[in-house]
Amino acid sequence: MDAMDDAAPPTQFAEPPTPPSERGAWLIAFALAALGVLGLTAALTGAIGGSPATPAPPVVISRVATPAPAPAGSQATEPAGSRGDGHVASATIVQARSAEQQALDARRFTSATHTNISRGWVEGFYPIYATAQSTFGVNWLLIASIHAQETAFSTAASTYHGLNFAHCCAGPMQFNVTNGPVTTWDLVADSYRYGRRPASYDHKTARHPSVYDDYDAVMAAAHLLSADGASEALDNSAWWSAYDYYGHDETGVLYADQVLARAIGWSQHGFCVNCGVNAELVQAVYAAYGAPVLAALEEAERAEALARERAKHARRHRAGRHAHSAPRPARHAPSPVASPS
């Protein structure tokens, strides 16, 4: 008994340990699977092991129908009011173009409209166009069309330095920097403050505002178009804002016709860098918006010419009447002839 009492008590087994949870393993498996899917997607889209995905342009707001011709005998009517935000005066702001620039632009606008510009170059402007549209409520297609009209998407030789061929305008959007006393550029130069500048883009200047900085210039153009009545619609207001942007003359009519036609064409068929301007669409825009304005310009020129002719005739008439009514010099009696002595 004593031997048995001195023996060690039987071993007491503890509760069996809880088996490790399989949740962590499943989470790891799911995470690895998700990474695999992401890697495959990146490879298929070109982010890994291939060319990067092509940046997409901003979303086109709506497909715009080709405008119908204006009724016969309709008068040119500028849209009432504007969308100025208070920073820029609400009155129509018109760019000032010299007669020399108008003549040179007229030849430039009627020349070949097709270009050959790298799509990758224009893709750099997409975030700038999108910011300008969201900030000022102006259709980005109208902004891009003016960019194309002015400097062929900043590919013109003097875009980023000096002045243009007429020695008045500068930068990607060709703002007048010589008129004044407050230049057109000075009116809207600080428009960049209203939006968020993209983290990176080509030709970013060290100081702002700069007429040569792509973001500063495009934002200023959108602000100016907005102040002159442009909105997201590509309609009569868009035409007039483009007309104001260039200037009120015959070349300005052609300019606005081409700008709006290009924007409408993009809305119908998609943004296209090198597609040029469809001549039939330009004619449709002219018949709807440009023709009444051009007729008014021609009528104003005729009236001005008639007024000048009448003023000239009146000056001649006054000069002739003054000549007839002027007092004649007094006649002096002849000196007496001395009698012979």
C-alpha atoms as a PDB file:
ATOM      1  CA  MET A   1       0.000   0.000   0.000  1.00  0.00           C
ATOM      2  CA  ASP A   2       2.738   2.358   0.962  1.00  0.00           C
ATOM      3  CA  ALA A   3       4.360   1.743  -2.364  1.00  0.00           C
ATOM      4  CA  MET A   4       1.194   2.486  -4.127  1.00  0.00           C
ATOM      5  CA  ASP A   5       0.598   5.594  -2.037  1.00  0.00           C
ATOM      6  CA  ASP A   6       4.015   6.881  -2.907  1.00  0.00           C
ATOM      7  CA  ALA A   7       3.380   6.412  -6.642  1.00  0.00           C
ATOM      8  CA  ALA A   8       2.707   9.503  -8.741  1.00  0.00           C
ATOM      9  CA  PRO A   9      -0.919  10.324  -9.335  1.00  0.00           C
ATOM     10  CA  PRO A  10      -2.287   9.534 -12.771  1.00  0.00           C
ATOM     11  CA  THR A  11      -1.621  12.186 -15.389  1.00  0.00           C
ATOM     12  CA  GLN A  12      -4.412  14.791 -15.752  1.00  0.00           C
ATOM     13  CA  PHE A  13      -4.861  15.776 -19.418  1.00  0.00           C
ATOM     14  CA  ALA A  14      -5.670  19.417 -20.032  1.00  0.00           C
ATOM     15  CA  GLU A  15      -8.486  20.523 -22.325  1.00  0.00           C
ATOM     16  CA  PRO A  16      -7.497  19.913 -25.960  1.00  0.00           C
ATOM     17  CA  PRO A  17      -6.154  23.081 -27.592  1.00  0.00           C
ATOM     18  CA  THR A  18      -8.442  25.020 -29.884  1.00  0.00           C
ATOM     19  CA  PRO A  19      -7.518  24.344 -33.539  1.00  0.00           C
ATOM     20  CA  PRO A  20      -6.088  27.341 -35.365  1.00  0.00           C
ATOM     21  CA  SER A  21      -8.635  29.425 -37.308  1.00  0.00           C
ATOM     22  CA  GLU A  22      -8.673  28.960 -41.101  1.00  0.00           C
ATOM     23  CA  ARG A  23     -10.031  32.505 -41.609  1.00  0.00           C
ATOM     24  CA  GLY A  24      -6.565  34.026 -42.011  1.00  0.00           C
ATOM     25  CA  ALA A  25      -5.600  31.475 -44.640  1.00  0.00           C
ATOM     26  CA  TRP A  26      -8.780  32.166 -46.594  1.00  0.00           C
ATOM     27  CA  LEU A  27      -8.176  35.918 -46.406  1.00  0.00           C
ATOM     28  CA  ILE A  28      -4.667  35.460 -47.716  1.00  0.00           C
ATOM     29  CA  ALA A  29      -5.957  33.266 -50.518  1.00  0.00           C
ATOM     30  CA  PHE A  30      -8.600  35.810 -51.466  1.00  0.00           C
ATOM     31  CA  ALA A  31      -6.039  38.646 -51.387  1.00  0.00           C
ATOM     32  CA  LEU A  32      -3.669  36.719 -53.641  1.00  0.00           C
ATOM     33  CA  ALA A  33      -6.488  35.971 -56.036  1.00  0.00           C
ATOM     34  CA  ALA A  34      -7.504  39.648 -56.131  1.00  0.00           C
ATOM     35  CA  LEU A  35      -3.918  40.680 -56.816  1.00  0.00           C
ATOM     36  CA  GLY A  36      -3.791  38.172 -59.613  1.00  0.00           C
ATOM     37  CA  VAL A  37      -6.936  39.597 -61.189  1.00  0.00           C
ATOM     38  CA  LEU A  38      -5.588  43.153 -60.890  1.00  0.00           C
ATOM     39  CA  GLY A  39      -2.305  42.102 -62.421  1.00  0.00           C
ATOM     40  CA  LEU A  40      -4.066  40.419 -65.327  1.00  0.00           C
ATOM     41  CA  THR A  41      -6.246  43.489 -65.869  1.00  0.00           C
ATOM     42  CA  ALA A  42      -3.218  45.767 -65.811  1.00  0.00           C
ATOM     43  CA  ALA A  43      -1.419  43.562 -68.297  1.00  0.00           C
ATOM     44  CA  LEU A  44      -4.416  43.481 -70.627  1.00  0.00           C
ATOM     45  CA  THR A  45      -4.843  47.248 -70.481  1.00  0.00           C
ATOM     46  CA  GLY A  46      -1.164  47.877 -71.075  1.00  0.00           C
ATOM     47  CA  ALA A  47      -0.316  49.231 -67.635  1.00  0.00           C
ATOM     48  CA  ILE A  48       2.143  46.366 -67.117  1.00  0.00           C
ATOM     49  CA  GLY A  49       4.258  44.883 -69.819  1.00  0.00           C
ATOM     50  CA  GLY A  50       2.771  46.989 -72.599  1.00  0.00           C
ATOM     51  CA  SER A  51       1.927  50.449 -73.791  1.00  0.00           C
ATOM     52  CA  PRO A  52      -0.055  52.615 -71.362  1.00  0.00           C
ATOM     53  CA  ALA A  53      -3.784  53.038 -71.844  1.00  0.00           C
ATOM     54  CA  THR A  54      -4.747  55.947 -74.080  1.00  0.00           C
ATOM     55  CA  PRO A  55      -6.163  58.867 -72.048  1.00  0.00           C
ATOM     56  CA  ALA A  56      -9.771  59.534 -72.871  1.00  0.00           C
ATOM     57  CA  PRO A  57     -11.039  63.034 -73.659  1.00  0.00           C
ATOM     58  CA  PRO A  58     -13.613  64.617 -71.346  1.00  0.00           C
ATOM     59  CA  VAL A  59     -17.128  63.284 -71.709  1.00  0.00           C
ATOM     60  CA  VAL A  60     -19.128  64.970 -74.468  1.00  0.00           C
ATOM     61  CA  ILE A  61     -22.174  66.511 -72.832  1.00  0.00           C
ATOM     62  CA  SER A  62     -24.626  65.892 -75.664  1.00  0.00           C
ATOM     63  CA  ARG A  63     -24.864  65.293 -79.377  1.00  0.00           C
ATOM     64  CA  VAL A  64     -25.828  68.588 -80.985  1.00  0.00           C
ATOM     65  CA  ALA A  65     -28.061  68.617 -84.041  1.00  0.00           C
ATOM     66  CA  THR A  66     -27.008  70.535 -87.136  1.00  0.00           C
ATOM     67  CA  PRO A  67     -28.629  73.992 -86.820  1.00  0.00           C
ATOM     68  CA  ALA A  68     -31.437  74.951 -89.172  1.00  0.00           C
ATOM     69  CA  PRO A  69     -31.147  78.060 -91.371  1.00  0.00           C
ATOM     70  CA  ALA A  70     -32.418  81.310 -89.913  1.00  0.00           C
ATOM     71  CA  PRO A  71     -35.776  82.490 -91.318  1.00  0.00           C
ATOM     72  CA  ALA A  72     -35.470  84.721 -94.356  1.00  0.00           C
ATOM     73  CA  GLY A  73     -35.042  88.363 -93.416  1.00  0.00           C
ATOM     74  CA  SER A  74     -34.285  87.595 -89.761  1.00  0.00           C
ATOM     75  CA  GLN A  75     -32.277  90.168 -87.886  1.00  0.00           C
ATOM     76  CA  ALA A  76     -29.033  89.535 -86.056  1.00  0.00           C
ATOM     77  CA  THR A  77     -29.836  89.304 -82.363  1.00  0.00           C
ATOM     78  CA  GLU A  78     -27.134  89.021 -79.753  1.00  0.00           C
ATOM     79  CA  PRO A  79     -28.227  86.932 -76.750  1.00  0.00           C
ATOM     80  CA  ALA A  80     -29.430  89.092 -73.887  1.00  0.00           C
ATOM     81  CA  GLY A  81     -27.328  89.109 -70.753  1.00  0.00           C
ATOM     82  CA  SER A  82     -24.256  87.073 -70.010  1.00  0.00           C
ATOM     83  CA  ARG A  83     -22.978  84.544 -67.560  1.00  0.00           C
ATOM     84  CA  GLY A  84     -20.323  86.771 -66.078  1.00  0.00           C
ATOM     85  CA  ASP A  85     -19.543  85.758 -62.502  1.00  0.00           C
ATOM     86  CA  GLY A  86     -18.930  89.265 -61.255  1.00  0.00           C
ATOM     87  CA  HIS A  87     -15.163  89.132 -61.618  1.00  0.00           C
ATOM     88  CA  VAL A  88     -15.395  90.082 -65.287  1.00  0.00           C
ATOM     89  CA  ALA A  89     -17.751  92.868 -66.315  1.00  0.00           C
ATOM     90  CA  SER A  90     -21.034  91.492 -67.641  1.00  0.00           C
ATOM     91  CA  ALA A  91     -20.949  93.680 -70.735  1.00  0.00           C
ATOM     92  CA  THR A  92     -19.801  91.991 -73.907  1.00  0.00           C
ATOM     93  CA  ILE A  93     -16.028  91.781 -74.070  1.00  0.00           C
ATOM     94  CA  VAL A  94     -14.740  91.884 -77.622  1.00  0.00           C
ATOM     95  CA  GLN A  95     -11.208  91.102 -78.660  1.00  0.00           C
ATOM     96  CA  ALA A  96      -9.539  93.872 -80.658  1.00  0.00           C
ATOM     97  CA  ARG A  97      -7.931  92.734 -83.903  1.00  0.00           C
ATOM     98  CA  SER A  98      -6.144  95.078 -86.263  1.00  0.00           C
ATOM     99  CA  ALA A  99      -7.068  95.365 -89.925  1.00  0.00           C
ATOM    100  CA  GLU A 100      -3.774  93.668 -90.773  1.00  0.00           C
ATOM    101  CA  GLN A 101      -4.541  90.692 -88.565  1.00  0.00           C
ATOM    102  CA  GLN A 102      -8.092  90.426 -89.927  1.00  0.00           C
ATOM    103  CA  ALA A 103      -6.788  90.236 -93.486  1.00  0.00           C
ATOM    104  CA  LEU A 104      -4.134  87.649 -92.628  1.00  0.00           C
ATOM    105  CA  ASP A 105      -6.586  85.619 -90.537  1.00  0.00           C
ATOM    106  CA  ALA A 106      -9.152  85.617 -93.333  1.00  0.00           C
ATOM    107  CA  ARG A 107      -6.616  83.954 -95.635  1.00  0.00           C
ATOM    108  CA  ARG A 108      -5.577  81.555 -92.864  1.00  0.00           C
ATOM    109  CA  PHE A 109      -9.144  80.522 -92.054  1.00  0.00           C
ATOM    110  CA  THR A 110     -10.080  79.915 -95.687  1.00  0.00           C
ATOM    111  CA  SER A 111      -6.958  77.833 -96.360  1.00  0.00           C
ATOM    112  CA  ALA A 112      -6.665  74.096 -95.724  1.00  0.00           C
ATOM    113  CA  THR A 113      -8.401  73.186 -92.468  1.00  0.00           C
ATOM    114  CA  HIS A 114      -6.818  69.750 -92.036  1.00  0.00           C
ATOM    115  CA  THR A 115      -3.864  69.423 -89.700  1.00  0.00           C
ATOM    116  CA  ASN A 116      -1.403  66.712 -88.756  1.00  0.00           C
ATOM    117  CA  ILE A 117      -0.979  66.865 -84.992  1.00  0.00           C
ATOM    118  CA  SER A 118       0.060  64.052 -82.688  1.00  0.00           C
ATOM    119  CA  ARG A 119      -2.862  62.722 -80.696  1.00  0.00           C
ATOM    120  CA  GLY A 120      -0.546  62.255 -77.735  1.00  0.00           C
ATOM    121  CA  TRP A 121       0.234  65.977 -77.809  1.00  0.00           C
ATOM    122  CA  VAL A 122      -3.447  66.935 -77.575  1.00  0.00           C
ATOM    123  CA  GLU A 123      -4.164  64.360 -74.858  1.00  0.00           C
ATOM    124  CA  GLY A 124      -2.124  66.524 -72.513  1.00  0.00           C
ATOM    125  CA  PHE A 125      -4.840  69.184 -72.717  1.00  0.00           C
ATOM    126  CA  TYR A 126      -7.719  66.888 -71.687  1.00  0.00           C
ATOM    127  CA  PRO A 127      -7.513  67.575 -67.918  1.00  0.00           C
ATOM    128  CA  ILE A 128      -7.201  71.300 -68.602  1.00  0.00           C
ATOM    129  CA  TYR A 129     -10.296  71.303 -70.836  1.00  0.00           C
ATOM    130  CA  ALA A 130     -12.224  69.329 -68.210  1.00  0.00           C
ATOM    131  CA  THR A 131     -11.267  71.737 -65.425  1.00  0.00           C
ATOM    132  CA  ALA A 132     -12.199  74.777 -67.533  1.00  0.00           C
ATOM    133  CA  GLN A 133     -15.596  73.269 -68.339  1.00  0.00           C
ATOM    134  CA  SER A 134     -16.433  72.348 -64.744  1.00  0.00           C
ATOM    135  CA  THR A 135     -15.213  75.703 -63.413  1.00  0.00           C
ATOM    136  CA  PHE A 136     -16.896  78.105 -65.833  1.00  0.00           C
ATOM    137  CA  GLY A 137     -19.706  76.000 -67.292  1.00  0.00           C
ATOM    138  CA  VAL A 138     -18.503  76.352 -70.886  1.00  0.00           C
ATOM    139  CA  ASN A 139     -18.632  73.330 -73.184  1.00  0.00           C
ATOM    140  CA  TRP A 140     -15.107  71.973 -73.470  1.00  0.00           C
ATOM    141  CA  LEU A 141     -15.620  71.309 -77.190  1.00  0.00           C
ATOM    142  CA  LEU A 142     -16.055  75.045 -77.768  1.00  0.00           C
ATOM    143  CA  ILE A 143     -12.888  75.768 -75.773  1.00  0.00           C
ATOM    144  CA  ALA A 144     -10.930  73.106 -77.667  1.00  0.00           C
ATOM    145  CA  SER A 145     -12.247  74.376 -80.996  1.00  0.00           C
ATOM    146  CA  ILE A 146     -11.005  77.895 -80.282  1.00  0.00           C
ATOM    147  CA  HIS A 147      -7.685  76.389 -79.216  1.00  0.00           C
ATOM    148  CA  ALA A 148      -7.531  74.611 -82.577  1.00  0.00           C
ATOM    149  CA  GLN A 149      -8.569  77.738 -84.488  1.00  0.00           C
ATOM    150  CA  GLU A 150      -6.058  80.026 -82.798  1.00  0.00           C
ATOM    151  CA  THR A 151      -2.872  77.957 -82.600  1.00  0.00           C
ATOM    152  CA  ALA A 152      -3.703  74.446 -83.890  1.00  0.00           C
ATOM    153  CA  PHE A 153      -3.578  73.106 -80.330  1.00  0.00           C
ATOM    154  CA  SER A 154      -0.507  75.154 -79.392  1.00  0.00           C
ATOM    155  CA  THR A 155       1.569  73.931 -82.350  1.00  0.00           C
ATOM    156  CA  ALA A 156       1.895  77.362 -84.014  1.00  0.00           C
ATOM    157  CA  ALA A 157       5.492  78.543 -84.150  1.00  0.00           C
ATOM    158  CA  SER A 158       5.140  81.496 -81.764  1.00  0.00           C
ATOM    159  CA  THR A 159       2.734  79.912 -79.267  1.00  0.00           C
ATOM    160  CA  TYR A 160       5.088  79.938 -76.303  1.00  0.00           C
ATOM    161  CA  HIS A 161       7.142  83.056 -76.945  1.00  0.00           C
ATOM    162  CA  GLY A 162       6.803  86.540 -78.367  1.00  0.00           C
ATOM    163  CA  LEU A 163       3.794  87.855 -80.272  1.00  0.00           C
ATOM    164  CA  ASN A 164       1.908  86.559 -83.263  1.00  0.00           C
ATOM    165  CA  PHE A 165       2.336  87.701 -86.879  1.00  0.00           C
ATOM    166  CA  ALA A 166       0.220  90.785 -86.207  1.00  0.00           C
ATOM    167  CA  HIS A 167       2.326  91.729 -83.153  1.00  0.00           C
ATOM    168  CA  CYS A 168      -0.665  91.950 -80.844  1.00  0.00           C
ATOM    169  CA  CYS A 169      -1.548  88.541 -79.398  1.00  0.00           C
ATOM    170  CA  ALA A 170       0.256  85.772 -77.575  1.00  0.00           C
ATOM    171  CA  GLY A 171      -0.008  82.330 -76.065  1.00  0.00           C
ATOM    172  CA  PRO A 172      -1.976  79.153 -76.780  1.00  0.00           C
ATOM    173  CA  MET A 173      -5.305  81.009 -76.886  1.00  0.00           C
ATOM    174  CA  GLN A 174      -3.935  84.153 -78.580  1.00  0.00           C
ATOM    175  CA  PHE A 175      -4.993  86.808 -76.105  1.00  0.00           C
ATOM    176  CA  ASN A 176      -4.498  90.420 -77.077  1.00  0.00           C
ATOM    177  CA  VAL A 177      -1.756  91.773 -74.828  1.00  0.00           C
ATOM    178  CA  THR A 178      -1.264  95.129 -76.553  1.00  0.00           C
ATOM    179  CA  ASN A 179      -4.728  96.706 -76.574  1.00  0.00           C
ATOM    180  CA  GLY A 180      -5.940  98.633 -73.638  1.00  0.00           C
ATOM    181  CA  PRO A 181      -5.392 100.580 -71.443  1.00  0.00           C
ATOM    182  CA  VAL A 182      -6.559  97.310 -69.815  1.00  0.00           C
ATOM    183  CA  THR A 183      -5.730  94.546 -72.264  1.00  0.00           C
ATOM    184  CA  THR A 184      -8.040  91.629 -72.955  1.00  0.00           C
ATOM    185  CA  TRP A 185      -5.538  89.347 -71.244  1.00  0.00           C
ATOM    186  CA  ASP A 186      -5.402  91.572 -68.162  1.00  0.00           C
ATOM    187  CA  LEU A 187      -9.181  91.296 -67.774  1.00  0.00           C
ATOM    188  CA  VAL A 188      -9.101  87.549 -67.222  1.00  0.00           C
ATOM    189  CA  ALA A 189      -5.477  86.759 -66.386  1.00  0.00           C
ATOM    190  CA  ASP A 190      -6.228  85.551 -62.847  1.00  0.00           C
ATOM    191  CA  SER A 191      -8.918  83.057 -63.964  1.00  0.00           C
ATOM    192  CA  TYR A 192      -6.605  80.169 -63.087  1.00  0.00           C
ATOM    193  CA  ARG A 193      -7.343  80.827 -59.412  1.00  0.00           C
ATOM    194  CA  TYR A 194     -10.904  79.516 -59.795  1.00  0.00           C
ATOM    195  CA  GLY A 195      -9.931  75.913 -60.585  1.00  0.00           C
ATOM    196  CA  ARG A 196      -7.519  73.218 -59.488  1.00  0.00           C
ATOM    197  CA  ARG A 197      -4.325  73.194 -61.544  1.00  0.00           C
ATOM    198  CA  PRO A 198      -3.421  69.715 -62.879  1.00  0.00           C
ATOM    199  CA  ALA A 199      -0.409  68.184 -61.164  1.00  0.00           C
ATOM    200  CA  SER A 200       1.543  68.074 -64.401  1.00  0.00           C
ATOM    201  CA  TYR A 201       1.194  69.278 -67.965  1.00  0.00           C
ATOM    202  CA  ASP A 202       3.464  70.543 -70.694  1.00  0.00           C
ATOM    203  CA  HIS A 203       4.706  74.127 -70.764  1.00  0.00           C
ATOM    204  CA  LYS A 204       3.939  74.934 -67.135  1.00  0.00           C
ATOM    205  CA  THR A 205       5.511  78.302 -66.422  1.00  0.00           C
ATOM    206  CA  ALA A 206       7.378  79.227 -63.264  1.00  0.00           C
ATOM    207  CA  ARG A 207       5.204  82.262 -62.572  1.00  0.00           C
ATOM    208  CA  HIS A 208       1.471  82.735 -62.796  1.00  0.00           C
ATOM    209  CA  PRO A 209      -0.494  84.066 -64.458  1.00  0.00           C
ATOM    210  CA  SER A 210       1.287  83.650 -67.760  1.00  0.00           C
ATOM    211  CA  VAL A 211      -0.265  84.011 -71.183  1.00  0.00           C
ATOM    212  CA  TYR A 212       2.128  81.245 -72.300  1.00  0.00           C
ATOM    213  CA  ASP A 213       1.029  78.732 -69.648  1.00  0.00           C
ATOM    214  CA  ASP A 214      -1.455  76.236 -71.130  1.00  0.00           C
ATOM    215  CA  TYR A 215      -3.583  76.043 -67.999  1.00  0.00           C
ATOM    216  CA  ASP A 216      -3.612  79.795 -67.335  1.00  0.00           C
ATOM    217  CA  ALA A 217      -4.497  80.581 -70.952  1.00  0.00           C
ATOM    218  CA  VAL A 218      -7.257  77.980 -71.342  1.00  0.00           C
ATOM    219  CA  MET A 219      -8.862  78.970 -68.039  1.00  0.00           C
ATOM    220  CA  ALA A 220      -8.784  82.632 -69.075  1.00  0.00           C
ATOM    221  CA  ALA A 221     -10.384  81.765 -72.415  1.00  0.00           C
ATOM    222  CA  ALA A 222     -13.162  79.795 -70.723  1.00  0.00           C
ATOM    223  CA  HIS A 223     -13.787  82.692 -68.340  1.00  0.00           C
ATOM    224  CA  LEU A 224     -13.967  85.161 -71.214  1.00  0.00           C
ATOM    225  CA  LEU A 225     -16.359  82.940 -73.181  1.00  0.00           C
ATOM    226  CA  SER A 226     -18.532  82.547 -70.086  1.00  0.00           C
ATOM    227  CA  ALA A 227     -18.622  86.305 -69.520  1.00  0.00           C
ATOM    228  CA  ASP A 228     -19.767  86.718 -73.122  1.00  0.00           C
ATOM    229  CA  GLY A 229     -22.656  84.287 -72.670  1.00  0.00           C
ATOM    230  CA  ALA A 230     -21.322  80.836 -73.536  1.00  0.00           C
ATOM    231  CA  SER A 231     -22.598  77.824 -71.623  1.00  0.00           C
ATOM    232  CA  GLU A 232     -22.633  74.071 -72.127  1.00  0.00           C
ATOM    233  CA  ALA A 233     -24.964  74.495 -75.128  1.00  0.00           C
ATOM    234  CA  LEU A 234     -23.484  74.759 -78.615  1.00  0.00           C
ATOM    235  CA  ASP A 235     -26.053  77.223 -79.914  1.00  0.00           C
ATOM    236  CA  ASN A 236     -26.505  80.894 -80.795  1.00  0.00           C
ATOM    237  CA  SER A 237     -24.895  81.963 -77.517  1.00  0.00           C
ATOM    238  CA  ALA A 238     -21.834  79.854 -78.276  1.00  0.00           C
ATOM    239  CA  TRP A 239     -21.633  81.432 -81.742  1.00  0.00           C
ATOM    240  CA  TRP A 240     -21.786  84.959 -80.315  1.00  0.00           C
ATOM    241  CA  SER A 241     -19.191  84.230 -77.654  1.00  0.00           C
ATOM    242  CA  ALA A 242     -16.802  82.989 -80.374  1.00  0.00           C
ATOM    243  CA  TYR A 243     -17.635  86.094 -82.430  1.00  0.00           C
ATOM    244  CA  ASP A 244     -16.854  88.295 -79.438  1.00  0.00           C
ATOM    245  CA  TYR A 245     -13.660  86.344 -78.826  1.00  0.00           C
ATOM    246  CA  TYR A 246     -12.336  87.221 -82.276  1.00  0.00           C
ATOM    247  CA  GLY A 247     -13.919  90.603 -83.033  1.00  0.00           C
ATOM    248  CA  HIS A 248     -16.940  92.106 -84.760  1.00  0.00           C
ATOM    249  CA  ASP A 249     -16.071  92.111 -88.442  1.00  0.00           C
ATOM    250  CA  GLU A 250     -16.467  89.900 -91.506  1.00  0.00           C
ATOM    251  CA  THR A 251     -13.479  87.776 -90.544  1.00  0.00           C
ATOM    252  CA  GLY A 252     -15.028  87.324 -87.100  1.00  0.00           C
ATOM    253  CA  VAL A 253     -18.148  85.859 -88.738  1.00  0.00           C
ATOM    254  CA  LEU A 254     -16.048  83.287 -90.584  1.00  0.00           C
ATOM    255  CA  TYR A 255     -14.132  82.579 -87.382  1.00  0.00           C
ATOM    256  CA  ALA A 256     -17.281  81.946 -85.321  1.00  0.00           C
ATOM    257  CA  ASP A 257     -18.823  79.806 -88.077  1.00  0.00           C
ATOM    258  CA  GLN A 258     -15.784  77.522 -88.184  1.00  0.00           C
ATOM    259  CA  VAL A 259     -15.326  77.351 -84.414  1.00  0.00           C
ATOM    260  CA  LEU A 260     -18.921  76.349 -83.725  1.00  0.00           C
ATOM    261  CA  ALA A 261     -19.098  73.985 -86.707  1.00  0.00           C
ATOM    262  CA  ARG A 262     -16.007  72.144 -85.492  1.00  0.00           C
ATOM    263  CA  ALA A 263     -17.412  71.842 -81.965  1.00  0.00           C
ATOM    264  CA  ILE A 264     -20.788  70.586 -83.225  1.00  0.00           C
ATOM    265  CA  GLY A 265     -19.050  68.088 -85.498  1.00  0.00           C
ATOM    266  CA  TRP A 266     -17.077  66.738 -82.546  1.00  0.00           C
ATOM    267  CA  SER A 267     -20.279  66.364 -80.548  1.00  0.00           C
ATOM    268  CA  GLN A 268     -21.809  64.322 -83.378  1.00  0.00           C
ATOM    269  CA  HIS A 269     -18.877  62.107 -84.356  1.00  0.00           C
ATOM    270  CA  GLY A 270     -16.452  62.238 -81.414  1.00  0.00           C
ATOM    271  CA  PHE A 271     -13.440  64.392 -80.701  1.00  0.00           C
ATOM    272  CA  CYS A 272     -11.001  64.171 -83.587  1.00  0.00           C
ATOM    273  CA  VAL A 273      -7.662  65.968 -83.633  1.00  0.00           C
ATOM    274  CA  ASN A 274      -6.954  65.923 -87.375  1.00  0.00           C
ATOM    275  CA  CYS A 275     -10.407  65.799 -88.930  1.00  0.00           C
ATOM    276  CA  GLY A 276     -10.603  69.450 -89.936  1.00  0.00           C
ATOM    277  CA  VAL A 277     -13.894  71.289 -90.331  1.00  0.00           C
ATOM    278  CA  ASN A 278     -16.753  69.913 -92.387  1.00  0.00           C
ATOM    279  CA  ALA A 279     -17.603  72.496 -95.063  1.00  0.00           C
ATOM    280  CA  GLU A 280     -21.302  71.589 -95.113  1.00  0.00           C
ATOM    281  CA  LEU A 281     -21.531  72.020 -91.349  1.00  0.00           C
ATOM    282  CA  VAL A 282     -19.771  75.400 -91.597  1.00  0.00           C
ATOM    283  CA  GLN A 283     -22.351  76.463 -94.173  1.00  0.00           C
ATOM    284  CA  ALA A 284     -25.181  75.287 -91.924  1.00  0.00           C
ATOM    285  CA  VAL A 285     -23.835  77.281 -88.977  1.00  0.00           C
ATOM    286  CA  TYR A 286     -23.410  80.320 -91.232  1.00  0.00           C
ATOM    287  CA  ALA A 287     -26.995  80.038 -92.486  1.00  0.00           C
ATOM    288  CA  ALA A 288     -28.292  79.768 -88.912  1.00  0.00           C
ATOM    289  CA  TYR A 289     -26.178  82.363 -87.106  1.00  0.00           C
ATOM    290  CA  GLY A 290     -23.563  84.016 -89.287  1.00  0.00           C
ATOM    291  CA  ALA A 291     -25.643  85.193 -92.243  1.00  0.00           C
ATOM    292  CA  PRO A 292     -27.868  87.633 -90.290  1.00  0.00           C
ATOM    293  CA  VAL A 293     -24.804  89.107 -88.578  1.00  0.00           C
ATOM    294  CA  LEU A 294     -22.916  89.499 -91.848  1.00  0.00           C
ATOM    295  CA  ALA A 295     -25.973  91.141 -93.422  1.00  0.00           C
ATOM    296  CA  ALA A 296     -26.119  93.580 -90.510  1.00  0.00           C
ATOM    297  CA  LEU A 297     -22.421  94.355 -90.908  1.00  0.00           C
ATOM    298  CA  GLU A 298     -22.843  95.014 -94.632  1.00  0.00           C
ATOM    299  CA  GLU A 299     -25.878  97.202 -93.986  1.00  0.00           C
ATOM    300  CA  ALA A 300     -23.932  99.158 -91.373  1.00  0.00           C
ATOM    301  CA  GLU A 301     -21.070  99.613 -93.851  1.00  0.00           C
ATOM    302  CA  ARG A 302     -23.469 100.899 -96.502  1.00  0.00           C
ATOM    303  CA  ALA A 303     -25.063 103.281 -94.038  1.00  0.00           C
ATOM    304  CA  GLU A 304     -21.644 104.509 -92.943  1.00  0.00           C
ATOM    305  CA  ALA A 305     -20.543 105.012 -96.534  1.00  0.00           C
ATOM    306  CA  LEU A 306     -23.756 106.913 -97.295  1.00  0.00           C
ATOM    307  CA  ALA A 307     -23.260 109.067 -94.213  1.00  0.00           C
ATOM    308  CA  ARG A 308     -19.716 109.875 -95.284  1.00  0.00           C
ATOM    309  CA  GLU A 309     -20.891 110.810 -98.772  1.00  0.00           C
ATOM    310  CA  ARG A 310     -23.616 113.047 -97.389  1.00  0.00           C
ATOM    311  CA  ALA A 311     -21.176 114.714 -95.011  1.00  0.00           C
ATOM    312  CA  LYS A 312     -18.780 115.293 -97.894  1.00  0.00           C
ATOM    313  CA  HIS A 313     -21.565 116.781-100.024  1.00  0.00           C
ATOM    314  CA  ALA A 314     -22.671 118.991 -97.135  1.00  0.00           C
ATOM    315  CA  ARG A 315     -19.139 120.307 -96.690  1.00  0.00           C
ATOM    316  CA  ARG A 316     -18.927 121.126-100.374  1.00  0.00           C
ATOM    317  CA  HIS A 317     -22.325 122.841-100.277  1.00  0.00           C
ATOM    318  CA  ARG A 318     -21.331 124.928 -97.255  1.00  0.00           C
ATOM    319  CA  ALA A 319     -18.054 125.863 -98.892  1.00  0.00           C
ATOM    320  CA  GLY A 320     -19.843 126.935-102.107  1.00  0.00           C
ATOM    321  CA  ARG A 321     -22.470 128.937-100.253  1.00  0.00           C
ATOM    322  CA  HIS A 322     -19.799 130.640 -98.216  1.00  0.00           C
ATOM    323  CA  ALA A 323     -17.961 131.595-101.413  1.00  0.00           C
ATOM    324  CA  HIS A 324     -21.098 133.159-102.984  1.00  0.00           C
ATOM    325  CA  SER A 325     -22.128 135.015 -99.846  1.00  0.00           C
ATOM    326  CA  ALA A 326     -18.727 136.472 -99.080  1.00  0.00           C
ATOM    327  CA  PRO A 327     -18.669 140.346 -99.457  1.00  0.00           C
ATOM    328  CA  ARG A 328     -17.039 141.538-102.627  1.00  0.00           C
ATOM    329  CA  PRO A 329     -14.061 143.855-102.269  1.00  0.00           C
ATOM    330  CA  ALA A 330     -14.981 147.572-102.581  1.00  0.00           C
ATOM    331  CA  ARG A 331     -14.399 149.176-105.950  1.00  0.00           C
ATOM    332  CA  HIS A 332     -12.134 152.186-105.841  1.00  0.00           C
ATOM    333  CA  ALA A 333     -12.752 155.167-108.115  1.00  0.00           C
ATOM    334  CA  PRO A 334     -10.147 155.565-110.811  1.00  0.00           C
ATOM    335  CA  SER A 335      -7.509 158.083-110.138  1.00  0.00           C
ATOM    336  CA  PRO A 336      -8.188 161.346-112.030  1.00  0.00           C
ATOM    337  CA  VAL A 337      -6.120 161.796-115.079  1.00  0.00           C
ATOM    338  CA  ALA A 338      -4.049 164.918-114.871  1.00  0.00           C
ATOM    339  CA  SER A 339      -5.123 167.507-117.507  1.00  0.00           C
ATOM    340  CA  PRO A 340      -2.437 168.710-119.807  1.00  0.00           C
ATOM    341  CA  SER A 341      -1.101 172.021-118.811  1.00  0.00           C
END
